Amino acid sequence: MTQPTPFDISPAELEADISLFRRARIARLTSDKGWLTVIGKFWLAPGAHRIGAGAGSEILLPADRAPDDVGTITLDDGVVRLDANPQVELYARGERVRSMVLRSDAEPDPDDVVLGSLTLELIRRGDRLALRVRDAKSAARLSFPGIPAYPTDPTWRIVARLESASAEREVMFEDSDGEPQSYLSPGMAVFDKSGVSCRLWPVFENDRKRLFVLFSDLTNRDHHTYEGGRFLYAPLPEGGRILLDFNKAFNPPCAFTPYAVCPLPSDDNRLPLRVEAGEKRPAS
């Protein structure tokens, strides 16, 4: 008797799997740390930067969420120090902040500095540092209507053939800031759909526990899906095959906030057909 493989699934199991995936996706997106809470990102130049809702603040916070003068952020020789206004209640590491050196998201245990519903985070992107601002009571989060999606379609759960070389290939994607992002790929995923030959370069995530697939297709052109392409995660190749379930294709963070930086599909990852599966373009 032939044993089922990880590539086998019944229609009922697929429907249940996609339903679970979408519920978890919405839960992450609408969480306190979800992209819907991001309301600002401020790149830091060397020197002092005023934080607050007042005129002249280089790091401008919403007037209904913060006082005019919250404090000062200073970047000096790669070190970022926060000096709080003594009259403002800022909290981090379980205590009130007076003055502290901030740990970025590139370090173990990065800092979250809390001011009411706002959270300030130091982020590092290459050699650049920025202060990201979240608001747990952002309008985007509180009024989130959900994400439209195509119906689950078993024909878009595709087992692709892996064409691998003797060594992993470097794949470059340019991000929405115009910066190159480098990844490693185990090979090219090749499949046919509706008589159309398709090829994609999946790449390893940093922990190499799964693959990341960045793609665009013809639905981007008429705005049925997000014009910057969509993301897809896939399990590691098995027996020269890769499972690409486009029912799990999802929008990048840039579809929900202008303060995210997202990789963009390369020409090699532009599919010459309509992928009517997965998430559609979110509402404005």
C-alpha atoms as a PDB file:
ATOM      1  CA  MET A   1       0.000   0.000   0.000  1.00  0.00           C
ATOM      2  CA  THR A   2       1.386   3.413  -0.945  1.00  0.00           C
ATOM      3  CA  GLN A   3       2.029   5.623   2.058  1.00  0.00           C
ATOM      4  CA  PRO A   4       0.834   9.264   1.928  1.00  0.00           C
ATOM      5  CA  THR A   5       3.581  11.856   1.561  1.00  0.00           C
ATOM      6  CA  PRO A   6       3.780  15.431   2.870  1.00  0.00           C
ATOM      7  CA  PHE A   7       2.693  16.495  -0.613  1.00  0.00           C
ATOM      8  CA  ASP A   8      -0.633  14.638  -0.314  1.00  0.00           C
ATOM      9  CA  ILE A   9      -3.690  16.315   1.199  1.00  0.00           C
ATOM     10  CA  SER A  10      -7.448  15.920   0.820  1.00  0.00           C
ATOM     11  CA  PRO A  11      -9.663  18.874  -0.211  1.00  0.00           C
ATOM     12  CA  ALA A  12     -11.188  18.978   3.287  1.00  0.00           C
ATOM     13  CA  GLU A  13      -7.751  18.949   4.917  1.00  0.00           C
ATOM     14  CA  LEU A  14      -6.590  21.721   2.588  1.00  0.00           C
ATOM     15  CA  GLU A  15      -9.616  23.880   3.391  1.00  0.00           C
ATOM     16  CA  ALA A  16      -9.018  23.416   7.119  1.00  0.00           C
ATOM     17  CA  ASP A  17      -5.295  24.151   6.718  1.00  0.00           C
ATOM     18  CA  ILE A  18      -5.904  27.393   4.811  1.00  0.00           C
ATOM     19  CA  SER A  19      -8.571  28.497   7.294  1.00  0.00           C
ATOM     20  CA  LEU A  20      -6.144  27.965  10.176  1.00  0.00           C
ATOM     21  CA  PHE A  21      -3.373  29.781   8.285  1.00  0.00           C
ATOM     22  CA  ARG A  22      -5.571  32.821   7.634  1.00  0.00           C
ATOM     23  CA  ARG A  23      -6.801  33.058  11.231  1.00  0.00           C
ATOM     24  CA  ALA A  24      -3.211  32.966  12.494  1.00  0.00           C
ATOM     25  CA  ARG A  25      -2.204  35.547   9.887  1.00  0.00           C
ATOM     26  CA  ILE A  26      -4.901  38.002  11.034  1.00  0.00           C
ATOM     27  CA  ALA A  27      -3.978  37.413  14.688  1.00  0.00           C
ATOM     28  CA  ARG A  28      -0.334  38.330  13.991  1.00  0.00           C
ATOM     29  CA  LEU A  29      -1.222  41.359  11.893  1.00  0.00           C
ATOM     30  CA  THR A  30      -3.633  42.790  14.488  1.00  0.00           C
ATOM     31  CA  SER A  31      -1.457  42.048  17.535  1.00  0.00           C
ATOM     32  CA  ASP A  32       0.305  44.700  19.634  1.00  0.00           C
ATOM     33  CA  LYS A  33       3.415  44.034  17.524  1.00  0.00           C
ATOM     34  CA  GLY A  34       1.604  43.731  14.199  1.00  0.00           C
ATOM     35  CA  TRP A  35       2.324  45.967  11.239  1.00  0.00           C
ATOM     36  CA  LEU A  36      -0.991  47.788  11.677  1.00  0.00           C
ATOM     37  CA  THR A  37       0.440  49.475  14.781  1.00  0.00           C
ATOM     38  CA  VAL A  38       3.422  51.056  12.994  1.00  0.00           C
ATOM     39  CA  ILE A  39       2.781  54.803  12.586  1.00  0.00           C
ATOM     40  CA  GLY A  40       6.264  56.208  12.037  1.00  0.00           C
ATOM     41  CA  LYS A  41       9.909  55.538  11.221  1.00  0.00           C
ATOM     42  CA  PHE A  42      12.642  58.161  11.660  1.00  0.00           C
ATOM     43  CA  TRP A  43      16.169  57.591  10.350  1.00  0.00           C
ATOM     44  CA  LEU A  44      18.763  58.921  12.769  1.00  0.00           C
ATOM     45  CA  ALA A  45      21.624  61.183  11.756  1.00  0.00           C
ATOM     46  CA  PRO A  46      24.478  61.809  14.207  1.00  0.00           C
ATOM     47  CA  GLY A  47      23.509  64.301  16.902  1.00  0.00           C
ATOM     48  CA  ALA A  48      20.481  65.056  19.059  1.00  0.00           C
ATOM     49  CA  HIS A  49      16.851  64.648  17.979  1.00  0.00           C
ATOM     50  CA  ARG A  50      13.894  66.022  19.909  1.00  0.00           C
ATOM     51  CA  ILE A  51      10.962  63.648  20.541  1.00  0.00           C
ATOM     52  CA  GLY A  52       7.414  64.812  21.094  1.00  0.00           C
ATOM     53  CA  ALA A  53       4.222  66.261  19.647  1.00  0.00           C
ATOM     54  CA  GLY A  54       5.495  69.832  19.712  1.00  0.00           C
ATOM     55  CA  ALA A  55       6.478  71.937  16.728  1.00  0.00           C
ATOM     56  CA  GLY A  56      10.118  71.455  15.859  1.00  0.00           C
ATOM     57  CA  SER A  57      10.289  67.834  17.052  1.00  0.00           C
ATOM     58  CA  GLU A  58      12.486  65.816  14.700  1.00  0.00           C
ATOM     59  CA  ILE A  59      10.732  62.645  15.925  1.00  0.00           C
ATOM     60  CA  LEU A  60       7.122  63.795  15.745  1.00  0.00           C
ATOM     61  CA  LEU A  61       4.525  61.920  17.788  1.00  0.00           C
ATOM     62  CA  PRO A  62       0.720  62.250  17.582  1.00  0.00           C
ATOM     63  CA  ALA A  63      -0.598  65.167  19.625  1.00  0.00           C
ATOM     64  CA  ASP A  64      -3.396  63.070  21.152  1.00  0.00           C
ATOM     65  CA  ARG A  65      -0.918  60.414  22.299  1.00  0.00           C
ATOM     66  CA  ALA A  66       2.130  62.328  23.555  1.00  0.00           C
ATOM     67  CA  PRO A  67       3.136  65.606  25.229  1.00  0.00           C
ATOM     68  CA  ASP A  68       4.989  68.303  23.309  1.00  0.00           C
ATOM     69  CA  ASP A  69       8.356  67.395  24.861  1.00  0.00           C
ATOM     70  CA  VAL A  70       9.059  63.709  25.524  1.00  0.00           C
ATOM     71  CA  GLY A  71      12.848  63.891  25.556  1.00  0.00           C
ATOM     72  CA  THR A  72      15.868  63.587  23.302  1.00  0.00           C
ATOM     73  CA  ILE A  73      17.425  60.809  21.244  1.00  0.00           C
ATOM     74  CA  THR A  74      21.160  61.216  20.570  1.00  0.00           C
ATOM     75  CA  LEU A  75      23.213  59.182  18.086  1.00  0.00           C
ATOM     76  CA  ASP A  76      26.935  59.342  18.788  1.00  0.00           C
ATOM     77  CA  ASP A  77      29.472  56.959  17.238  1.00  0.00           C
ATOM     78  CA  GLY A  78      26.858  54.257  16.653  1.00  0.00           C
ATOM     79  CA  VAL A  79      25.418  54.468  20.178  1.00  0.00           C
ATOM     80  CA  VAL A  80      21.855  55.733  20.707  1.00  0.00           C
ATOM     81  CA  ARG A  81      20.969  57.322  24.055  1.00  0.00           C
ATOM     82  CA  LEU A  82      17.495  58.330  25.197  1.00  0.00           C
ATOM     83  CA  ASP A  83      17.195  61.153  27.743  1.00  0.00           C
ATOM     84  CA  ALA A  84      13.624  61.543  28.986  1.00  0.00           C
ATOM     85  CA  ASN A  85      11.882  64.716  30.041  1.00  0.00           C
ATOM     86  CA  PRO A  86      11.656  64.229  33.857  1.00  0.00           C
ATOM     87  CA  GLN A  87       7.961  65.136  33.742  1.00  0.00           C
ATOM     88  CA  VAL A  88       7.095  62.413  31.209  1.00  0.00           C
ATOM     89  CA  GLU A  89       6.478  58.808  32.217  1.00  0.00           C
ATOM     90  CA  LEU A  90       8.475  56.591  29.871  1.00  0.00           C
ATOM     91  CA  TYR A  91       9.004  52.934  30.756  1.00  0.00           C
ATOM     92  CA  ALA A  92      11.488  50.304  29.560  1.00  0.00           C
ATOM     93  CA  ARG A  93      12.986  47.147  31.052  1.00  0.00           C
ATOM     94  CA  GLY A  94      10.326  47.210  33.760  1.00  0.00           C
ATOM     95  CA  GLU A  95      11.158  50.631  35.188  1.00  0.00           C
ATOM     96  CA  ARG A  96      10.768  54.315  34.531  1.00  0.00           C
ATOM     97  CA  VAL A  97      13.269  55.779  32.081  1.00  0.00           C
ATOM     98  CA  ARG A  98      15.481  58.708  32.975  1.00  0.00           C
ATOM     99  CA  SER A  99      18.424  58.095  30.647  1.00  0.00           C
ATOM    100  CA  MET A 100      19.389  54.882  28.867  1.00  0.00           C
ATOM    101  CA  VAL A 101      21.356  53.473  25.941  1.00  0.00           C
ATOM    102  CA  LEU A 102      18.926  51.725  23.606  1.00  0.00           C
ATOM    103  CA  ARG A 103      19.391  48.203  22.299  1.00  0.00           C
ATOM    104  CA  SER A 104      18.332  47.758  18.673  1.00  0.00           C
ATOM    105  CA  ASP A 105      16.461  44.870  17.087  1.00  0.00           C
ATOM    106  CA  ALA A 106      19.830  43.589  15.848  1.00  0.00           C
ATOM    107  CA  GLU A 107      20.857  42.845  19.463  1.00  0.00           C
ATOM    108  CA  PRO A 108      19.635  40.296  22.004  1.00  0.00           C
ATOM    109  CA  ASP A 109      16.655  41.551  24.034  1.00  0.00           C
ATOM    110  CA  PRO A 110      15.955  44.794  22.116  1.00  0.00           C
ATOM    111  CA  ASP A 111      14.315  47.645  23.979  1.00  0.00           C
ATOM    112  CA  ASP A 112      10.667  48.712  23.871  1.00  0.00           C
ATOM    113  CA  VAL A 113      10.168  52.181  25.340  1.00  0.00           C
ATOM    114  CA  VAL A 114       6.506  52.665  26.279  1.00  0.00           C
ATOM    115  CA  LEU A 115       4.582  55.934  26.510  1.00  0.00           C
ATOM    116  CA  GLY A 116       0.881  55.203  26.981  1.00  0.00           C
ATOM    117  CA  SER A 117      -0.285  53.417  23.826  1.00  0.00           C
ATOM    118  CA  LEU A 118       2.948  54.306  22.007  1.00  0.00           C
ATOM    119  CA  THR A 119       6.071  52.156  21.788  1.00  0.00           C
ATOM    120  CA  LEU A 120       9.449  53.386  20.554  1.00  0.00           C
ATOM    121  CA  GLU A 121      11.838  50.824  19.043  1.00  0.00           C
ATOM    122  CA  LEU A 122      15.375  51.218  17.758  1.00  0.00           C
ATOM    123  CA  ILE A 123      15.892  49.313  14.515  1.00  0.00           C
ATOM    124  CA  ARG A 124      19.101  48.674  12.585  1.00  0.00           C
ATOM    125  CA  ARG A 125      19.199  48.146   8.830  1.00  0.00           C
ATOM    126  CA  GLY A 126      22.782  47.584   7.728  1.00  0.00           C
ATOM    127  CA  ASP A 127      24.757  50.565   8.996  1.00  0.00           C
ATOM    128  CA  ARG A 128      21.662  52.733   9.440  1.00  0.00           C
ATOM    129  CA  LEU A 129      19.608  53.241  12.605  1.00  0.00           C
ATOM    130  CA  ALA A 130      16.030  54.423  12.903  1.00  0.00           C
ATOM    131  CA  LEU A 131      13.449  54.932  15.614  1.00  0.00           C
ATOM    132  CA  ARG A 132      10.213  53.112  14.825  1.00  0.00           C
ATOM    133  CA  VAL A 133       6.993  54.237  16.501  1.00  0.00           C
ATOM    134  CA  ARG A 134       4.038  51.929  17.196  1.00  0.00           C
ATOM    135  CA  ASP A 135       0.591  52.874  18.426  1.00  0.00           C
ATOM    136  CA  ALA A 136      -1.520  50.102  19.929  1.00  0.00           C
ATOM    137  CA  LYS A 137      -4.572  52.336  19.339  1.00  0.00           C
ATOM    138  CA  SER A 138      -3.779  53.207  15.733  1.00  0.00           C
ATOM    139  CA  ALA A 139      -6.744  53.797  13.451  1.00  0.00           C
ATOM    140  CA  ALA A 140      -5.453  51.106  11.082  1.00  0.00           C
ATOM    141  CA  ARG A 141      -5.565  48.521  13.855  1.00  0.00           C
ATOM    142  CA  LEU A 142      -8.834  49.560  15.469  1.00  0.00           C
ATOM    143  CA  SER A 143     -10.744  49.778  12.176  1.00  0.00           C
ATOM    144  CA  PHE A 144      -9.063  46.862  10.391  1.00  0.00           C
ATOM    145  CA  PRO A 145     -11.621  45.309   7.985  1.00  0.00           C
ATOM    146  CA  GLY A 146      -9.712  42.088   7.327  1.00  0.00           C
ATOM    147  CA  ILE A 147      -7.950  40.958   4.157  1.00  0.00           C
ATOM    148  CA  PRO A 148      -9.895  39.870   1.072  1.00  0.00           C
ATOM    149  CA  ALA A 149      -8.714  36.568  -0.361  1.00  0.00           C
ATOM    150  CA  TYR A 150      -9.401  34.202  -3.196  1.00  0.00           C
ATOM    151  CA  PRO A 151     -11.328  30.995  -2.400  1.00  0.00           C
ATOM    152  CA  THR A 152      -9.146  28.028  -1.565  1.00  0.00           C
ATOM    153  CA  ASP A 153      -8.189  26.266  -4.780  1.00  0.00           C
ATOM    154  CA  PRO A 154      -6.467  22.844  -4.684  1.00  0.00           C
ATOM    155  CA  THR A 155      -5.005  23.432  -8.169  1.00  0.00           C
ATOM    156  CA  TRP A 156      -2.823  26.204  -6.724  1.00  0.00           C
ATOM    157  CA  ARG A 157      -1.202  23.801  -4.255  1.00  0.00           C
ATOM    158  CA  ILE A 158       1.672  22.985  -6.568  1.00  0.00           C
ATOM    159  CA  VAL A 159       4.503  20.493  -6.238  1.00  0.00           C
ATOM    160  CA  ALA A 160       7.349  22.085  -8.185  1.00  0.00           C
ATOM    161  CA  ARG A 161      10.516  20.433  -9.437  1.00  0.00           C
ATOM    162  CA  LEU A 162      13.773  21.723  -7.970  1.00  0.00           C
ATOM    163  CA  GLU A 163      16.499  22.352 -10.514  1.00  0.00           C
ATOM    164  CA  SER A 164      19.571  22.626  -8.344  1.00  0.00           C
ATOM    165  CA  ALA A 165      23.176  23.316  -9.215  1.00  0.00           C
ATOM    166  CA  SER A 166      26.266  21.957  -7.497  1.00  0.00           C
ATOM    167  CA  ALA A 167      26.312  24.988  -5.185  1.00  0.00           C
ATOM    168  CA  GLU A 168      23.731  27.340  -3.745  1.00  0.00           C
ATOM    169  CA  ARG A 169      23.119  30.452  -5.824  1.00  0.00           C
ATOM    170  CA  GLU A 170      23.132  34.019  -4.549  1.00  0.00           C
ATOM    171  CA  VAL A 171      19.862  35.816  -5.356  1.00  0.00           C
ATOM    172  CA  MET A 172      19.535  39.593  -5.091  1.00  0.00           C
ATOM    173  CA  PHE A 173      16.269  41.442  -4.449  1.00  0.00           C
ATOM    174  CA  GLU A 174      16.129  45.236  -4.334  1.00  0.00           C
ATOM    175  CA  ASP A 175      14.022  46.605  -1.481  1.00  0.00           C
ATOM    176  CA  SER A 176      11.569  49.507  -1.498  1.00  0.00           C
ATOM    177  CA  ASP A 177      14.347  51.815  -0.261  1.00  0.00           C
ATOM    178  CA  GLY A 178      16.422  50.932  -3.333  1.00  0.00           C
ATOM    179  CA  GLU A 179      18.887  48.846  -1.323  1.00  0.00           C
ATOM    180  CA  PRO A 180      20.007  45.346  -2.413  1.00  0.00           C
ATOM    181  CA  GLN A 181      19.136  42.353  -0.249  1.00  0.00           C
ATOM    182  CA  SER A 182      21.166  39.175  -0.690  1.00  0.00           C
ATOM    183  CA  TYR A 183      19.814  35.640  -0.182  1.00  0.00           C
ATOM    184  CA  LEU A 184      20.908  32.089  -0.980  1.00  0.00           C
ATOM    185  CA  SER A 185      18.756  29.770  -3.071  1.00  0.00           C
ATOM    186  CA  PRO A 186      18.843  25.957  -3.205  1.00  0.00           C
ATOM    187  CA  GLY A 187      17.857  26.074  -6.875  1.00  0.00           C
ATOM    188  CA  MET A 188      15.065  26.988  -9.261  1.00  0.00           C
ATOM    189  CA  ALA A 189      11.470  25.830  -8.702  1.00  0.00           C
ATOM    190  CA  VAL A 190       9.937  24.790 -12.030  1.00  0.00           C
ATOM    191  CA  PHE A 191       6.277  23.951 -12.680  1.00  0.00           C
ATOM    192  CA  ASP A 192       3.544  24.139 -15.315  1.00  0.00           C
ATOM    193  CA  LYS A 193       0.169  25.723 -14.636  1.00  0.00           C
ATOM    194  CA  SER A 194      -2.643  25.946 -17.181  1.00  0.00           C
ATOM    195  CA  GLY A 195      -0.172  25.224 -19.955  1.00  0.00           C
ATOM    196  CA  VAL A 196       2.195  27.989 -18.854  1.00  0.00           C
ATOM    197  CA  SER A 197       5.783  27.201 -17.876  1.00  0.00           C
ATOM    198  CA  CYS A 198       6.723  28.932 -14.616  1.00  0.00           C
ATOM    199  CA  ARG A 199      10.028  29.408 -12.807  1.00  0.00           C
ATOM    200  CA  LEU A 200      10.848  30.928  -9.438  1.00  0.00           C
ATOM    201  CA  TRP A 201      13.925  31.299  -7.260  1.00  0.00           C
ATOM    202  CA  PRO A 202      13.005  30.392  -3.682  1.00  0.00           C
ATOM    203  CA  VAL A 203      15.548  31.473  -1.052  1.00  0.00           C
ATOM    204  CA  PHE A 204      16.492  30.355   2.426  1.00  0.00           C
ATOM    205  CA  GLU A 205      15.385  32.299   5.468  1.00  0.00           C
ATOM    206  CA  ASN A 206      18.177  33.173   7.885  1.00  0.00           C
ATOM    207  CA  ASP A 207      17.582  30.128  10.102  1.00  0.00           C
ATOM    208  CA  ARG A 208      17.358  27.894   7.005  1.00  0.00           C
ATOM    209  CA  LYS A 209      14.307  26.101   8.422  1.00  0.00           C
ATOM    210  CA  ARG A 210      12.058  27.058   5.505  1.00  0.00           C
ATOM    211  CA  LEU A 211      12.073  28.820   2.146  1.00  0.00           C
ATOM    212  CA  PHE A 212      10.885  32.310   1.300  1.00  0.00           C
ATOM    213  CA  VAL A 213       9.330  32.909  -2.115  1.00  0.00           C
ATOM    214  CA  LEU A 214       8.880  36.469  -3.386  1.00  0.00           C
ATOM    215  CA  PHE A 215       6.852  36.681  -6.571  1.00  0.00           C
ATOM    216  CA  SER A 216       4.697  38.881  -8.749  1.00  0.00           C
ATOM    217  CA  ASP A 217       2.117  37.878 -11.354  1.00  0.00           C
ATOM    218  CA  LEU A 218      -0.399  39.369 -13.757  1.00  0.00           C
ATOM    219  CA  THR A 219      -2.978  40.101 -11.026  1.00  0.00           C
ATOM    220  CA  ASN A 220      -0.650  42.853  -9.762  1.00  0.00           C
ATOM    221  CA  ARG A 221      -1.244  44.868 -12.918  1.00  0.00           C
ATOM    222  CA  ASP A 222      -4.991  45.406 -12.429  1.00  0.00           C
ATOM    223  CA  HIS A 223      -4.652  45.849  -8.653  1.00  0.00           C
ATOM    224  CA  HIS A 224      -6.502  42.652  -7.778  1.00  0.00           C
ATOM    225  CA  THR A 225      -3.385  41.971  -5.695  1.00  0.00           C
ATOM    226  CA  TYR A 226      -0.745  44.259  -4.218  1.00  0.00           C
ATOM    227  CA  GLU A 227       1.400  45.821  -6.947  1.00  0.00           C
ATOM    228  CA  GLY A 228       4.626  45.204  -5.022  1.00  0.00           C
ATOM    229  CA  GLY A 229       4.170  41.439  -5.256  1.00  0.00           C
ATOM    230  CA  ARG A 230       3.359  38.869  -2.613  1.00  0.00           C
ATOM    231  CA  PHE A 231       5.225  36.595  -0.225  1.00  0.00           C
ATOM    232  CA  LEU A 232       4.991  32.844   0.257  1.00  0.00           C
ATOM    233  CA  TYR A 233       6.716  30.466   2.663  1.00  0.00           C
ATOM    234  CA  ALA A 234       7.510  26.911   1.646  1.00  0.00           C
ATOM    235  CA  PRO A 235       9.007  23.888   3.415  1.00  0.00           C
ATOM    236  CA  LEU A 236      12.538  22.861   2.550  1.00  0.00           C
ATOM    237  CA  PRO A 237      12.921  20.764  -0.615  1.00  0.00           C
ATOM    238  CA  GLU A 238      12.334  17.047  -0.284  1.00  0.00           C
ATOM    239  CA  GLY A 239      13.373  14.512  -2.895  1.00  0.00           C
ATOM    240  CA  GLY A 240      13.993  17.182  -5.501  1.00  0.00           C
ATOM    241  CA  ARG A 241      10.520  18.698  -5.030  1.00  0.00           C
ATOM    242  CA  ILE A 242       9.207  21.885  -3.413  1.00  0.00           C
ATOM    243  CA  LEU A 243       5.656  22.404  -2.186  1.00  0.00           C
ATOM    244  CA  LEU A 244       4.339  25.832  -3.268  1.00  0.00           C
ATOM    245  CA  ASP A 245       0.868  26.420  -1.847  1.00  0.00           C
ATOM    246  CA  PHE A 246      -0.182  29.725  -3.402  1.00  0.00           C
ATOM    247  CA  ASN A 247      -3.351  29.618  -1.292  1.00  0.00           C
ATOM    248  CA  LYS A 248      -0.990  30.869   1.436  1.00  0.00           C
ATOM    249  CA  ALA A 249       0.395  33.771  -0.607  1.00  0.00           C
ATOM    250  CA  PHE A 250       0.210  36.914   1.521  1.00  0.00           C
ATOM    251  CA  ASN A 251       0.768  40.643   1.263  1.00  0.00           C
ATOM    252  CA  PRO A 252       4.080  42.170   2.362  1.00  0.00           C
ATOM    253  CA  PRO A 253       4.122  44.642   5.280  1.00  0.00           C
ATOM    254  CA  CYS A 254       4.368  47.534   2.792  1.00  0.00           C
ATOM    255  CA  ALA A 255       0.760  46.827   1.790  1.00  0.00           C
ATOM    256  CA  PHE A 256      -0.342  47.892   5.280  1.00  0.00           C
ATOM    257  CA  THR A 257       2.043  50.672   6.333  1.00  0.00           C
ATOM    258  CA  PRO A 258       4.304  53.129   4.491  1.00  0.00           C
ATOM    259  CA  TYR A 259       6.888  52.715   7.260  1.00  0.00           C
ATOM    260  CA  ALA A 260       7.982  49.188   6.317  1.00  0.00           C
ATOM    261  CA  VAL A 261      10.783  48.273   3.905  1.00  0.00           C
ATOM    262  CA  CYS A 262      10.038  45.273   1.693  1.00  0.00           C
ATOM    263  CA  PRO A 263      12.022  43.357  -0.930  1.00  0.00           C
ATOM    264  CA  LEU A 264      10.637  43.590  -4.452  1.00  0.00           C
ATOM    265  CA  PRO A 265      10.373  40.701  -6.936  1.00  0.00           C
ATOM    266  CA  SER A 266      13.199  40.387  -9.420  1.00  0.00           C
ATOM    267  CA  ASP A 267      12.497  39.811 -13.100  1.00  0.00           C
ATOM    268  CA  ASP A 268      13.276  36.113 -12.548  1.00  0.00           C
ATOM    269  CA  ASN A 269      10.383  35.850 -10.075  1.00  0.00           C
ATOM    270  CA  ARG A 270       7.691  37.438 -12.227  1.00  0.00           C
ATOM    271  CA  LEU A 271       5.173  34.768 -13.218  1.00  0.00           C
ATOM    272  CA  PRO A 272       3.607  35.118 -16.701  1.00  0.00           C
ATOM    273  CA  LEU A 273       0.072  34.235 -15.560  1.00  0.00           C
ATOM    274  CA  ARG A 274      -2.605  35.236 -13.061  1.00  0.00           C
ATOM    275  CA  VAL A 275      -2.162  33.669  -9.630  1.00  0.00           C
ATOM    276  CA  GLU A 276      -5.740  33.882  -8.405  1.00  0.00           C
ATOM    277  CA  ALA A 277      -4.984  32.365  -5.031  1.00  0.00           C
ATOM    278  CA  GLY A 278      -4.035  33.697  -1.627  1.00  0.00           C
ATOM    279  CA  GLU A 279      -4.540  37.214  -0.355  1.00  0.00           C
ATOM    280  CA  LYS A 280      -5.917  39.980  -2.555  1.00  0.00           C
ATOM    281  CA  ARG A 281      -5.027  43.657  -2.317  1.00  0.00           C
ATOM    282  CA  PRO A 282      -6.021  44.976   1.117  1.00  0.00           C
ATOM    283  CA  ALA A 283      -8.509  47.798   1.476  1.00  0.00           C
ATOM    284  CA  SER A 284      -7.008  51.287   1.658  1.00  0.00           C
END
